[in-house]
Amino acid sequence: MTDDRYAIPAQEFVLEEEIKKSRFITILFRCQSEQELKLALTNARRDYPDARHYCWAFVGGAPKEMVNCGSSDDGEPSGSAGRPMLAVLQGADIGEIGAIVVRYFGGIKLGVGGLVRAYSGGIKRGLPQLETDIQLLKDEATITCDYAQLSDVEYVCNKYQTTIEGKEFSEQVVLNLAVPKSQKSALTQDISVISQGQLQLIFKDK
């Protein structure tokens, strides 16, 4: 992927395996925050009741995200589930991804090494089968135009894959935009051309 885009899960994927009589169910899904992860975890507990463990990990932003991410061993030995799961996700070159691995204990202990292989292995085997979409990295901007200019501005925004996230109507129209990083220069130039230099994009400072 280029610097301004990355892959994200298109839909949920589930992989079920039996390892030494324990049942492991790996669920991969789109996840942008810990709040979304916890919602998915609630659904997993509903769909797979009475399991022994519900271990999880997520990367909430771009691939290799080191801030908006997290993991849990959920009662397994420390470092045997959540962290190995997170390491696989961070190395997958897929962003906004969550993983939950549900374990029904089969009576045979796997040891720490066996648990690491079981919890991370399901994700490794599931990732190549996961359907993905493309997420564009975007910057926030605003533009103020007259009502007569609105249709032209909307046309140019659509041309450059810019999302209009809000409109405020008063004497003029204020548009809140999400502009793909790779399109900023071209969009700015086209806006200037169609308005004969009257309109200006104002990008939000990060």
N, C-alpha and C. Protein backbone atom coordinates (compact mmCIF):
# COMPACT_ATOMS: atom_id res chain seq x y z
N MET A 1 0.83 -1.20 0.00
CA MET A 1 0.00 0.00 0.00
C MET A 1 0.87 1.26 0.00
N THR A 2 0.35 2.34 -0.56
CA THR A 2 1.06 3.61 -0.54
C THR A 2 0.88 4.29 0.81
N ASP A 3 1.57 5.43 0.99
CA ASP A 3 1.57 6.09 2.30
C ASP A 3 0.20 6.66 2.68
N ASP A 4 -0.69 6.88 1.70
CA ASP A 4 -1.95 7.53 2.01
C ASP A 4 -3.14 6.57 2.05
N ARG A 5 -2.86 5.27 2.02
CA ARG A 5 -3.96 4.31 2.05
C ARG A 5 -3.49 3.00 2.67
N TYR A 6 -4.42 2.26 3.21
CA TYR A 6 -4.08 0.95 3.77
C TYR A 6 -5.32 0.05 3.74
N ALA A 7 -5.07 -1.24 3.85
CA ALA A 7 -6.16 -2.22 3.83
C ALA A 7 -6.86 -2.26 5.18
N ILE A 8 -8.17 -2.51 5.15
CA ILE A 8 -8.97 -2.72 6.36
C ILE A 8 -9.89 -3.92 6.11
N PRO A 9 -10.35 -4.59 7.16
CA PRO A 9 -11.27 -5.72 6.96
C PRO A 9 -12.57 -5.26 6.30
N ALA A 10 -13.03 -6.01 5.31
CA ALA A 10 -14.29 -5.69 4.64
C ALA A 10 -15.47 -6.32 5.36
N GLN A 11 -15.26 -7.45 5.99
CA GLN A 11 -16.32 -8.12 6.73
C GLN A 11 -15.70 -9.08 7.72
N GLU A 12 -16.50 -9.56 8.64
CA GLU A 12 -16.00 -10.48 9.67
C GLU A 12 -15.59 -11.81 9.06
N PHE A 13 -14.53 -12.40 9.62
CA PHE A 13 -14.08 -13.72 9.20
C PHE A 13 -13.91 -14.60 10.43
N VAL A 14 -14.38 -15.83 10.37
CA VAL A 14 -14.31 -16.75 11.52
C VAL A 14 -13.60 -18.04 11.10
N LEU A 15 -12.65 -18.46 11.90
CA LEU A 15 -11.90 -19.69 11.66
C LEU A 15 -11.97 -20.55 12.93
N GLU A 16 -12.36 -21.80 12.79
CA GLU A 16 -12.47 -22.69 13.94
C GLU A 16 -11.49 -23.84 13.80
N GLU A 17 -10.77 -24.16 14.89
CA GLU A 17 -9.79 -25.23 14.89
C GLU A 17 -9.87 -26.00 16.20
N GLU A 18 -9.41 -27.25 16.15
CA GLU A 18 -9.27 -28.05 17.37
C GLU A 18 -7.79 -28.36 17.56
N ILE A 19 -7.26 -28.00 18.72
CA ILE A 19 -5.86 -28.23 19.03
C ILE A 19 -5.79 -28.96 20.37
N LYS A 20 -5.35 -30.22 20.34
CA LYS A 20 -5.26 -31.06 21.55
C LYS A 20 -6.54 -30.99 22.37
N LYS A 21 -7.64 -31.23 21.67
CA LYS A 21 -8.98 -31.32 22.25
C LYS A 21 -9.58 -29.98 22.69
N SER A 22 -8.79 -28.89 22.63
CA SER A 22 -9.36 -27.56 22.89
C SER A 22 -9.89 -26.99 21.58
N ARG A 23 -11.00 -26.30 21.68
CA ARG A 23 -11.62 -25.69 20.50
C ARG A 23 -11.26 -24.20 20.49
N PHE A 24 -10.64 -23.75 19.40
CA PHE A 24 -10.24 -22.35 19.25
C PHE A 24 -11.04 -21.74 18.11
N ILE A 25 -11.73 -20.64 18.39
CA ILE A 25 -12.49 -19.92 17.36
C ILE A 25 -11.89 -18.53 17.21
N THR A 26 -11.29 -18.26 16.04
CA THR A 26 -10.67 -16.96 15.77
C THR A 26 -11.64 -16.10 14.97
N ILE A 27 -11.90 -14.91 15.49
CA ILE A 27 -12.82 -13.96 14.84
C ILE A 27 -12.03 -12.72 14.47
N LEU A 28 -11.99 -12.39 13.18
CA LEU A 28 -11.32 -11.18 12.69
C LEU A 28 -12.37 -10.21 12.17
N PHE A 29 -12.23 -8.93 12.48
CA PHE A 29 -13.27 -7.96 12.14
C PHE A 29 -12.68 -6.55 12.14
N ARG A 30 -13.43 -5.61 11.55
CA ARG A 30 -12.99 -4.22 11.56
C ARG A 30 -13.21 -3.63 12.95
N CYS A 31 -12.21 -2.90 13.43
CA CYS A 31 -12.27 -2.34 14.78
C CYS A 31 -11.45 -1.06 14.82
N GLN A 32 -12.10 0.06 15.18
CA GLN A 32 -11.42 1.35 15.20
C GLN A 32 -11.13 1.86 16.61
N SER A 33 -11.59 1.15 17.64
CA SER A 33 -11.38 1.63 19.01
C SER A 33 -11.60 0.49 19.99
N GLU A 34 -11.16 0.72 21.23
CA GLU A 34 -11.38 -0.28 22.28
C GLU A 34 -12.87 -0.43 22.57
N GLN A 35 -13.64 0.65 22.40
CA GLN A 35 -15.08 0.57 22.60
C GLN A 35 -15.71 -0.41 21.60
N GLU A 36 -15.29 -0.34 20.33
CA GLU A 36 -15.80 -1.27 19.33
C GLU A 36 -15.35 -2.69 19.64
N LEU A 37 -14.13 -2.83 20.14
CA LEU A 37 -13.64 -4.16 20.52
C LEU A 37 -14.51 -4.76 21.62
N LYS A 38 -14.86 -3.95 22.62
CA LYS A 38 -15.67 -4.46 23.72
C LYS A 38 -17.07 -4.86 23.27
N LEU A 39 -17.61 -4.13 22.28
CA LEU A 39 -18.91 -4.50 21.71
C LEU A 39 -18.80 -5.86 21.01
N ALA A 40 -17.74 -6.05 20.24
CA ALA A 40 -17.52 -7.34 19.57
C ALA A 40 -17.32 -8.45 20.59
N LEU A 41 -16.67 -8.13 21.69
CA LEU A 41 -16.44 -9.12 22.74
C LEU A 41 -17.76 -9.54 23.38
N THR A 42 -18.65 -8.58 23.59
CA THR A 42 -19.99 -8.90 24.11
C THR A 42 -20.72 -9.85 23.17
N ASN A 43 -20.61 -9.59 21.87
CA ASN A 43 -21.26 -10.45 20.88
C ASN A 43 -20.64 -11.85 20.87
N ALA A 44 -19.32 -11.93 21.05
CA ALA A 44 -18.65 -13.24 21.07
C ALA A 44 -19.07 -14.05 22.28
N ARG A 45 -19.21 -13.39 23.41
CA ARG A 45 -19.67 -14.11 24.61
C ARG A 45 -21.10 -14.61 24.45
N ARG A 46 -21.90 -13.85 23.70
CA ARG A 46 -23.27 -14.29 23.41
C ARG A 46 -23.29 -15.46 22.43
N ASP A 47 -22.47 -15.36 21.38
CA ASP A 47 -22.48 -16.38 20.33
C ASP A 47 -21.77 -17.66 20.75
N TYR A 48 -20.80 -17.53 21.64
CA TYR A 48 -20.03 -18.70 22.09
C TYR A 48 -20.05 -18.75 23.62
N PRO A 49 -21.20 -19.09 24.20
CA PRO A 49 -21.33 -19.08 25.66
C PRO A 49 -20.54 -20.22 26.31
N ASP A 50 -20.20 -20.00 27.57
CA ASP A 50 -19.56 -21.03 28.40
C ASP A 50 -18.15 -21.39 27.97
N ALA A 51 -17.52 -20.59 27.14
CA ALA A 51 -16.12 -20.83 26.80
C ALA A 51 -15.24 -20.47 28.00
N ARG A 52 -14.02 -21.00 28.03
CA ARG A 52 -13.12 -20.73 29.14
C ARG A 52 -12.44 -19.36 29.01
N HIS A 53 -12.05 -19.00 27.78
CA HIS A 53 -11.31 -17.75 27.57
C HIS A 53 -11.82 -17.02 26.33
N TYR A 54 -11.78 -15.69 26.40
CA TYR A 54 -12.09 -14.82 25.26
C TYR A 54 -10.93 -13.82 25.14
N CYS A 55 -9.85 -14.24 24.52
CA CYS A 55 -8.65 -13.40 24.40
C CYS A 55 -8.80 -12.48 23.20
N TRP A 56 -8.18 -11.30 23.28
CA TRP A 56 -8.39 -10.35 22.19
C TRP A 56 -7.18 -9.43 21.99
N ALA A 57 -7.19 -8.81 20.79
CA ALA A 57 -6.21 -7.78 20.45
C ALA A 57 -6.82 -6.92 19.35
N PHE A 58 -6.37 -5.68 19.26
CA PHE A 58 -6.86 -4.81 18.19
C PHE A 58 -5.83 -3.75 17.84
N VAL A 59 -5.87 -3.30 16.58
CA VAL A 59 -5.10 -2.16 16.09
C VAL A 59 -6.13 -1.20 15.51
N GLY A 60 -6.37 -0.08 16.18
CA GLY A 60 -7.50 0.77 15.85
C GLY A 60 -7.29 1.75 14.71
N GLY A 61 -6.03 1.94 14.29
CA GLY A 61 -5.76 2.90 13.22
C GLY A 61 -5.02 2.25 12.07
N ALA A 62 -4.02 2.96 11.55
CA ALA A 62 -3.23 2.45 10.44
C ALA A 62 -2.40 1.24 10.89
N PRO A 63 -1.94 0.42 9.93
CA PRO A 63 -1.09 -0.71 10.30
C PRO A 63 0.11 -0.28 11.15
N LYS A 64 0.48 -1.15 12.07
CA LYS A 64 1.60 -0.91 13.00
C LYS A 64 1.29 0.20 14.01
N GLU A 65 0.03 0.58 14.13
CA GLU A 65 -0.40 1.57 15.13
C GLU A 65 0.10 1.16 16.52
N MET A 66 0.74 2.10 17.22
CA MET A 66 1.31 1.79 18.53
C MET A 66 0.56 2.48 19.67
N VAL A 67 -0.43 3.32 19.36
CA VAL A 67 -1.14 4.06 20.40
C VAL A 67 -2.55 3.51 20.58
N ASN A 68 -3.35 3.57 19.53
CA ASN A 68 -4.73 3.10 19.58
C ASN A 68 -4.76 1.60 19.34
N CYS A 69 -4.30 0.84 20.35
CA CYS A 69 -4.24 -0.61 20.23
C CYS A 69 -4.29 -1.21 21.64
N GLY A 70 -4.43 -2.53 21.71
CA GLY A 70 -4.49 -3.17 23.02
C GLY A 70 -4.66 -4.66 22.88
N SER A 71 -4.58 -5.37 24.02
CA SER A 71 -4.73 -6.82 24.02
C SER A 71 -5.06 -7.33 25.41
N SER A 72 -5.54 -8.56 25.49
CA SER A 72 -5.86 -9.18 26.78
C SER A 72 -5.66 -10.69 26.71
N ASP A 73 -5.07 -11.25 27.77
CA ASP A 73 -4.91 -12.70 27.88
C ASP A 73 -6.16 -13.37 28.45
N ASP A 74 -7.06 -12.59 29.04
CA ASP A 74 -8.31 -13.10 29.63
C ASP A 74 -8.13 -14.39 30.42
N GLY A 75 -7.19 -14.37 31.36
CA GLY A 75 -7.03 -15.50 32.26
C GLY A 75 -6.01 -16.53 31.83
N GLU A 76 -5.55 -16.47 30.59
CA GLU A 76 -4.46 -17.35 30.17
C GLU A 76 -3.15 -16.84 30.80
N PRO A 77 -2.10 -17.68 30.88
CA PRO A 77 -0.82 -17.21 31.43
C PRO A 77 -0.35 -15.93 30.75
N SER A 78 0.22 -15.02 31.53
CA SER A 78 0.62 -13.71 31.03
C SER A 78 1.53 -13.82 29.80
N GLY A 79 1.17 -13.11 28.76
CA GLY A 79 1.97 -13.08 27.55
C GLY A 79 1.76 -14.23 26.59
N SER A 80 0.82 -15.12 26.91
CA SER A 80 0.64 -16.31 26.07
C SER A 80 -0.42 -16.14 25.00
N ALA A 81 -1.21 -15.06 25.06
CA ALA A 81 -2.33 -14.93 24.12
C ALA A 81 -2.42 -13.53 23.54
N GLY A 82 -2.77 -12.55 24.37
CA GLY A 82 -3.04 -11.21 23.87
C GLY A 82 -1.87 -10.56 23.14
N ARG A 83 -0.70 -10.57 23.75
CA ARG A 83 0.46 -9.91 23.13
C ARG A 83 0.88 -10.60 21.83
N PRO A 84 0.95 -11.94 21.80
CA PRO A 84 1.26 -12.58 20.51
C PRO A 84 0.21 -12.28 19.44
N MET A 85 -1.05 -12.21 19.82
CA MET A 85 -2.10 -11.86 18.87
C MET A 85 -1.89 -10.45 18.33
N LEU A 86 -1.57 -9.51 19.23
CA LEU A 86 -1.34 -8.12 18.82
C LEU A 86 -0.13 -8.02 17.89
N ALA A 87 0.91 -8.78 18.19
CA ALA A 87 2.12 -8.74 17.35
C ALA A 87 1.80 -9.19 15.92
N VAL A 88 0.96 -10.21 15.78
CA VAL A 88 0.58 -10.67 14.44
C VAL A 88 -0.22 -9.59 13.72
N LEU A 89 -1.16 -8.96 14.43
CA LEU A 89 -1.96 -7.90 13.80
C LEU A 89 -1.09 -6.73 13.37
N GLN A 90 -0.14 -6.34 14.22
CA GLN A 90 0.71 -5.19 13.89
C GLN A 90 1.65 -5.47 12.72
N GLY A 91 1.90 -6.74 12.45
CA GLY A 91 2.76 -7.10 11.34
C GLY A 91 2.01 -7.48 10.08
N ALA A 92 0.69 -7.31 10.10
CA ALA A 92 -0.14 -7.82 9.00
C ALA A 92 -0.33 -6.83 7.86
N ASP A 93 0.07 -5.58 8.05
CA ASP A 93 -0.14 -4.53 7.05
C ASP A 93 -1.63 -4.32 6.76
N ILE A 94 -2.46 -4.52 7.78
CA ILE A 94 -3.90 -4.26 7.71
C ILE A 94 -4.25 -3.38 8.91
N GLY A 95 -4.97 -2.30 8.68
CA GLY A 95 -5.35 -1.41 9.76
C GLY A 95 -6.78 -1.62 10.22
N GLU A 96 -7.13 -0.96 11.34
CA GLU A 96 -8.49 -0.99 11.88
C GLU A 96 -9.01 -2.42 11.99
N ILE A 97 -8.21 -3.26 12.64
CA ILE A 97 -8.53 -4.68 12.72
C ILE A 97 -8.55 -5.15 14.17
N GLY A 98 -9.53 -5.98 14.49
CA GLY A 98 -9.62 -6.60 15.80
C GLY A 98 -9.63 -8.11 15.65
N ALA A 99 -9.18 -8.80 16.70
CA ALA A 99 -9.20 -10.26 16.72
C ALA A 99 -9.63 -10.73 18.10
N ILE A 100 -10.56 -11.65 18.12
CA ILE A 100 -10.97 -12.33 19.35
C ILE A 100 -10.77 -13.82 19.12
N VAL A 101 -10.10 -14.47 20.06
CA VAL A 101 -9.96 -15.93 19.99
C VAL A 101 -10.66 -16.54 21.20
N VAL A 102 -11.69 -17.30 20.91
CA VAL A 102 -12.49 -17.97 21.93
C VAL A 102 -11.94 -19.37 22.14
N ARG A 103 -11.72 -19.76 23.40
CA ARG A 103 -11.19 -21.10 23.67
C ARG A 103 -12.14 -21.88 24.58
N TYR A 104 -12.53 -23.04 24.10
CA TYR A 104 -13.21 -24.04 24.92
C TYR A 104 -12.15 -25.05 25.34
N PHE A 105 -11.85 -25.10 26.63
CA PHE A 105 -10.76 -25.95 27.13
C PHE A 105 -11.13 -27.42 27.01
N GLY A 106 -10.19 -28.19 26.45
CA GLY A 106 -10.45 -29.61 26.21
C GLY A 106 -9.83 -30.55 27.22
N GLY A 107 -9.18 -29.99 28.26
CA GLY A 107 -8.64 -30.85 29.31
C GLY A 107 -7.15 -31.09 29.23
N ILE A 108 -6.52 -30.70 28.12
CA ILE A 108 -5.07 -30.89 27.96
C ILE A 108 -4.39 -29.53 27.97
N LYS A 109 -3.44 -29.34 28.90
CA LYS A 109 -2.72 -28.08 28.97
C LYS A 109 -1.71 -28.00 27.83
N LEU A 110 -1.59 -26.84 27.23
CA LEU A 110 -0.72 -26.66 26.07
C LEU A 110 0.64 -26.07 26.43
N GLY A 111 0.77 -25.51 27.63
CA GLY A 111 2.01 -24.82 27.97
C GLY A 111 2.04 -23.45 27.30
N VAL A 112 2.90 -22.59 27.79
CA VAL A 112 2.94 -21.22 27.27
C VAL A 112 3.27 -21.21 25.78
N GLY A 113 4.26 -21.98 25.37
CA GLY A 113 4.63 -22.01 23.96
C GLY A 113 3.50 -22.52 23.08
N GLY A 114 2.81 -23.54 23.54
CA GLY A 114 1.68 -24.08 22.78
C GLY A 114 0.54 -23.08 22.68
N LEU A 115 0.31 -22.33 23.77
CA LEU A 115 -0.74 -21.31 23.75
C LEU A 115 -0.40 -20.18 22.79
N VAL A 116 0.86 -19.74 22.80
CA VAL A 116 1.28 -18.69 21.87
C VAL A 116 1.02 -19.13 20.43
N ARG A 117 1.40 -20.37 20.12
CA ARG A 117 1.20 -20.87 18.76
C ARG A 117 -0.28 -20.99 18.42
N ALA A 118 -1.09 -21.41 19.38
CA ALA A 118 -2.52 -21.60 19.13
C ALA A 118 -3.23 -20.26 18.92
N TYR A 119 -2.96 -19.31 19.79
CA TYR A 119 -3.67 -18.02 19.72
C TYR A 119 -3.20 -17.17 18.53
N SER A 120 -1.90 -17.19 18.25
CA SER A 120 -1.41 -16.40 17.12
C SER A 120 -1.60 -17.14 15.80
N GLY A 121 -1.57 -18.46 15.84
CA GLY A 121 -1.65 -19.26 14.62
C GLY A 121 -2.98 -19.13 13.91
N GLY A 122 -4.07 -19.06 14.67
CA GLY A 122 -5.37 -18.89 14.05
C GLY A 122 -5.48 -17.59 13.28
N ILE A 123 -4.89 -16.54 13.85
CA ILE A 123 -4.89 -15.24 13.16
C ILE A 123 -4.04 -15.32 11.90
N LYS A 124 -2.85 -15.93 12.02
CA LYS A 124 -1.97 -16.06 10.85
C LYS A 124 -2.65 -16.82 9.72
N ARG A 125 -3.40 -17.85 10.06
CA ARG A 125 -4.08 -18.63 9.02
C ARG A 125 -5.32 -17.92 8.50
N GLY A 126 -5.92 -17.08 9.33
CA GLY A 126 -7.13 -16.38 8.91
C GLY A 126 -6.87 -15.15 8.05
N LEU A 127 -5.76 -14.45 8.30
CA LEU A 127 -5.51 -13.19 7.60
C LEU A 127 -5.47 -13.33 6.07
N PRO A 128 -4.82 -14.37 5.50
CA PRO A 128 -4.81 -14.48 4.04
C PRO A 128 -6.20 -14.69 3.44
N GLN A 129 -7.16 -15.15 4.25
CA GLN A 129 -8.50 -15.41 3.76
C GLN A 129 -9.45 -14.24 4.02
N LEU A 130 -8.97 -13.22 4.71
CA LEU A 130 -9.80 -12.07 5.09
C LEU A 130 -10.02 -11.15 3.90
N GLU A 131 -11.27 -10.84 3.59
CA GLU A 131 -11.57 -9.87 2.54
C GLU A 131 -11.31 -8.46 3.06
N THR A 132 -10.70 -7.63 2.21
CA THR A 132 -10.33 -6.28 2.66
C THR A 132 -10.85 -5.19 1.72
N ASP A 133 -11.00 -4.00 2.28
CA ASP A 133 -11.28 -2.79 1.53
C ASP A 133 -10.07 -1.86 1.69
N ILE A 134 -10.13 -0.72 1.02
CA ILE A 134 -9.05 0.26 1.11
C ILE A 134 -9.53 1.49 1.89
N GLN A 135 -8.73 1.90 2.86
CA GLN A 135 -9.01 3.12 3.63
C GLN A 135 -8.01 4.19 3.23
N LEU A 136 -8.52 5.36 2.85
CA LEU A 136 -7.65 6.49 2.50
C LEU A 136 -7.36 7.32 3.74
N LEU A 137 -6.11 7.70 3.92
CA LEU A 137 -5.76 8.64 4.98
C LEU A 137 -6.17 10.04 4.53
N LYS A 138 -6.91 10.74 5.39
CA LYS A 138 -7.46 12.03 5.00
C LYS A 138 -7.14 13.11 6.03
N ASP A 139 -7.09 14.36 5.55
CA ASP A 139 -6.92 15.52 6.41
C ASP A 139 -8.22 16.32 6.43
N GLU A 140 -8.52 16.93 7.57
CA GLU A 140 -9.74 17.72 7.69
C GLU A 140 -9.52 19.13 7.14
N ALA A 141 -10.53 19.64 6.46
CA ALA A 141 -10.45 20.99 5.89
C ALA A 141 -11.84 21.60 5.85
N THR A 142 -11.90 22.92 5.71
CA THR A 142 -13.17 23.62 5.51
C THR A 142 -13.05 24.53 4.30
N ILE A 143 -14.19 24.81 3.69
CA ILE A 143 -14.23 25.78 2.60
C ILE A 143 -15.56 26.51 2.69
N THR A 144 -15.53 27.82 2.47
CA THR A 144 -16.73 28.66 2.51
C THR A 144 -17.00 29.17 1.10
N CYS A 145 -18.23 28.94 0.62
CA CYS A 145 -18.57 29.35 -0.75
C CYS A 145 -19.97 29.95 -0.80
N ASP A 146 -20.27 30.62 -1.90
CA ASP A 146 -21.63 31.12 -2.13
C ASP A 146 -22.52 29.95 -2.58
N TYR A 147 -23.83 30.15 -2.45
CA TYR A 147 -24.76 29.11 -2.86
C TYR A 147 -24.61 28.77 -4.34
N ALA A 148 -24.30 29.76 -5.15
CA ALA A 148 -24.16 29.54 -6.58
C ALA A 148 -22.92 28.71 -6.91
N GLN A 149 -21.96 28.68 -5.99
CA GLN A 149 -20.72 27.93 -6.23
C GLN A 149 -20.78 26.51 -5.67
N LEU A 150 -21.83 26.19 -4.93
CA LEU A 150 -21.87 24.93 -4.18
C LEU A 150 -21.79 23.71 -5.09
N SER A 151 -22.53 23.70 -6.18
CA SER A 151 -22.54 22.50 -7.04
C SER A 151 -21.17 22.27 -7.66
N ASP A 152 -20.48 23.35 -8.04
CA ASP A 152 -19.13 23.21 -8.60
C ASP A 152 -18.15 22.66 -7.56
N VAL A 153 -18.25 23.16 -6.33
CA VAL A 153 -17.38 22.68 -5.25
C VAL A 153 -17.64 21.20 -4.97
N GLU A 154 -18.92 20.82 -4.92
CA GLU A 154 -19.26 19.42 -4.67
C GLU A 154 -18.73 18.52 -5.78
N TYR A 155 -18.81 18.99 -7.03
CA TYR A 155 -18.31 18.21 -8.16
C TYR A 155 -16.81 17.97 -8.03
N VAL A 156 -16.06 19.01 -7.71
CA VAL A 156 -14.61 18.88 -7.59
C VAL A 156 -14.24 17.98 -6.41
N CYS A 157 -14.96 18.11 -5.31
CA CYS A 157 -14.70 17.25 -4.15
C CYS A 157 -14.88 15.78 -4.52
N ASN A 158 -15.96 15.49 -5.22
CA ASN A 158 -16.22 14.11 -5.64
C ASN A 158 -15.11 13.61 -6.56
N LYS A 159 -14.63 14.48 -7.44
CA LYS A 159 -13.57 14.13 -8.39
C LYS A 159 -12.31 13.67 -7.68
N TYR A 160 -12.03 14.25 -6.51
CA TYR A 160 -10.81 13.94 -5.79
C TYR A 160 -11.06 13.12 -4.52
N GLN A 161 -12.14 12.33 -4.53
CA GLN A 161 -12.45 11.39 -3.45
C GLN A 161 -12.49 12.07 -2.08
N THR A 162 -12.93 13.31 -2.09
CA THR A 162 -13.05 14.08 -0.86
C THR A 162 -14.47 13.95 -0.30
N THR A 163 -14.56 13.60 0.96
CA THR A 163 -15.84 13.41 1.61
C THR A 163 -16.34 14.72 2.23
N ILE A 164 -17.58 15.08 1.95
CA ILE A 164 -18.21 16.24 2.59
C ILE A 164 -18.89 15.73 3.86
N GLU A 165 -18.31 16.05 5.00
CA GLU A 165 -18.78 15.49 6.27
C GLU A 165 -19.82 16.36 6.95
N GLY A 166 -19.99 17.59 6.46
CA GLY A 166 -21.01 18.46 7.05
C GLY A 166 -21.16 19.74 6.25
N LYS A 167 -22.35 20.32 6.33
CA LYS A 167 -22.63 21.59 5.66
C LYS A 167 -23.32 22.52 6.63
N GLU A 168 -22.89 23.77 6.67
CA GLU A 168 -23.52 24.79 7.51
C GLU A 168 -24.03 25.90 6.60
N PHE A 169 -25.33 26.16 6.67
CA PHE A 169 -25.95 27.13 5.78
C PHE A 169 -26.29 28.42 6.53
N SER A 170 -25.76 29.53 6.04
CA SER A 170 -26.13 30.85 6.55
C SER A 170 -26.11 31.80 5.35
N GLU A 171 -25.43 32.91 5.46
CA GLU A 171 -25.31 33.78 4.29
C GLU A 171 -24.50 33.08 3.20
N GLN A 172 -23.56 32.27 3.60
CA GLN A 172 -22.79 31.43 2.69
C GLN A 172 -22.86 29.98 3.19
N VAL A 173 -22.23 29.09 2.45
CA VAL A 173 -22.21 27.68 2.84
C VAL A 173 -20.80 27.31 3.30
N VAL A 174 -20.71 26.71 4.48
CA VAL A 174 -19.43 26.22 4.99
C VAL A 174 -19.44 24.70 4.90
N LEU A 175 -18.47 24.14 4.19
CA LEU A 175 -18.37 22.69 4.04
C LEU A 175 -17.22 22.16 4.88
N ASN A 176 -17.48 21.10 5.63
CA ASN A 176 -16.42 20.40 6.36
C ASN A 176 -16.00 19.20 5.54
N LEU A 177 -14.73 19.11 5.21
CA LEU A 177 -14.24 18.12 4.27
C LEU A 177 -13.22 17.17 4.89
N ALA A 178 -13.15 15.97 4.34
CA ALA A 178 -12.08 15.02 4.63
C ALA A 178 -11.37 14.75 3.31
N VAL A 179 -10.15 15.26 3.19
CA VAL A 179 -9.42 15.27 1.91
C VAL A 179 -8.30 14.23 1.93
N PRO A 180 -8.29 13.29 0.98
CA PRO A 180 -7.17 12.34 0.89
C PRO A 180 -5.84 13.08 0.79
N LYS A 181 -4.86 12.62 1.57
CA LYS A 181 -3.58 13.32 1.60
C LYS A 181 -2.97 13.46 0.21
N SER A 182 -3.12 12.43 -0.62
CA SER A 182 -2.52 12.45 -1.95
C SER A 182 -3.23 13.41 -2.90
N GLN A 183 -4.43 13.87 -2.52
CA GLN A 183 -5.23 14.71 -3.41
C GLN A 183 -5.24 16.18 -2.99
N LYS A 184 -4.57 16.53 -1.92
CA LYS A 184 -4.65 17.88 -1.37
C LYS A 184 -4.21 18.94 -2.38
N SER A 185 -3.09 18.72 -3.02
CA SER A 185 -2.56 19.72 -3.94
C SER A 185 -3.47 19.90 -5.16
N ALA A 186 -3.90 18.77 -5.75
CA ALA A 186 -4.74 18.83 -6.95
C ALA A 186 -6.09 19.45 -6.64
N LEU A 187 -6.68 19.09 -5.48
CA LEU A 187 -7.97 19.65 -5.09
C LEU A 187 -7.85 21.16 -4.88
N THR A 188 -6.81 21.58 -4.16
CA THR A 188 -6.59 23.00 -3.90
C THR A 188 -6.48 23.78 -5.21
N GLN A 189 -5.75 23.21 -6.17
CA GLN A 189 -5.57 23.88 -7.45
C GLN A 189 -6.88 23.98 -8.22
N ASP A 190 -7.65 22.89 -8.25
CA ASP A 190 -8.91 22.90 -9.00
C ASP A 190 -9.93 23.85 -8.37
N ILE A 191 -9.96 23.90 -7.05
CA ILE A 191 -10.87 24.83 -6.36
C ILE A 191 -10.54 26.27 -6.75
N SER A 192 -9.25 26.56 -6.82
CA SER A 192 -8.82 27.90 -7.21
C SER A 192 -9.22 28.21 -8.65
N VAL A 193 -9.10 27.21 -9.53
CA VAL A 193 -9.42 27.41 -10.95
C VAL A 193 -10.92 27.67 -11.15
N ILE A 194 -11.76 26.83 -10.53
CA ILE A 194 -13.21 26.96 -10.77
C ILE A 194 -13.78 28.24 -10.17
N SER A 195 -13.09 28.76 -9.15
CA SER A 195 -13.59 29.97 -8.48
C SER A 195 -12.82 31.22 -8.87
N GLN A 196 -11.90 31.06 -9.83
CA GLN A 196 -11.04 32.17 -10.25
C GLN A 196 -10.31 32.80 -9.07
N GLY A 197 -9.84 31.93 -8.18
CA GLY A 197 -9.05 32.37 -7.05
C GLY A 197 -9.84 32.90 -5.86
N GLN A 198 -11.18 32.83 -5.92
CA GLN A 198 -12.00 33.37 -4.82
C GLN A 198 -12.07 32.44 -3.62
N LEU A 199 -12.02 31.13 -3.86
CA LEU A 199 -12.22 30.17 -2.78
C LEU A 199 -10.90 29.57 -2.31
N GLN A 200 -10.87 29.23 -1.02
CA GLN A 200 -9.64 28.69 -0.45
C GLN A 200 -9.97 27.58 0.54
N LEU A 201 -9.24 26.49 0.43
CA LEU A 201 -9.36 25.43 1.41
C LEU A 201 -8.53 25.79 2.64
N ILE A 202 -9.12 25.59 3.82
CA ILE A 202 -8.40 25.81 5.07
C ILE A 202 -8.26 24.48 5.77
N PHE A 203 -7.01 23.99 5.86
CA PHE A 203 -6.76 22.70 6.47
C PHE A 203 -6.56 22.85 7.97
N LYS A 204 -7.12 21.89 8.70
CA LYS A 204 -7.02 21.89 10.16
C LYS A 204 -5.61 21.50 10.57
N ASP A 205 -5.03 22.27 11.49
CA ASP A 205 -3.70 21.95 11.99
C ASP A 205 -3.77 20.69 12.82
N LYS A 206 -2.83 19.79 12.61
CA LYS A 206 -2.77 18.53 13.36
C LYS A 206 -1.90 18.72 14.59
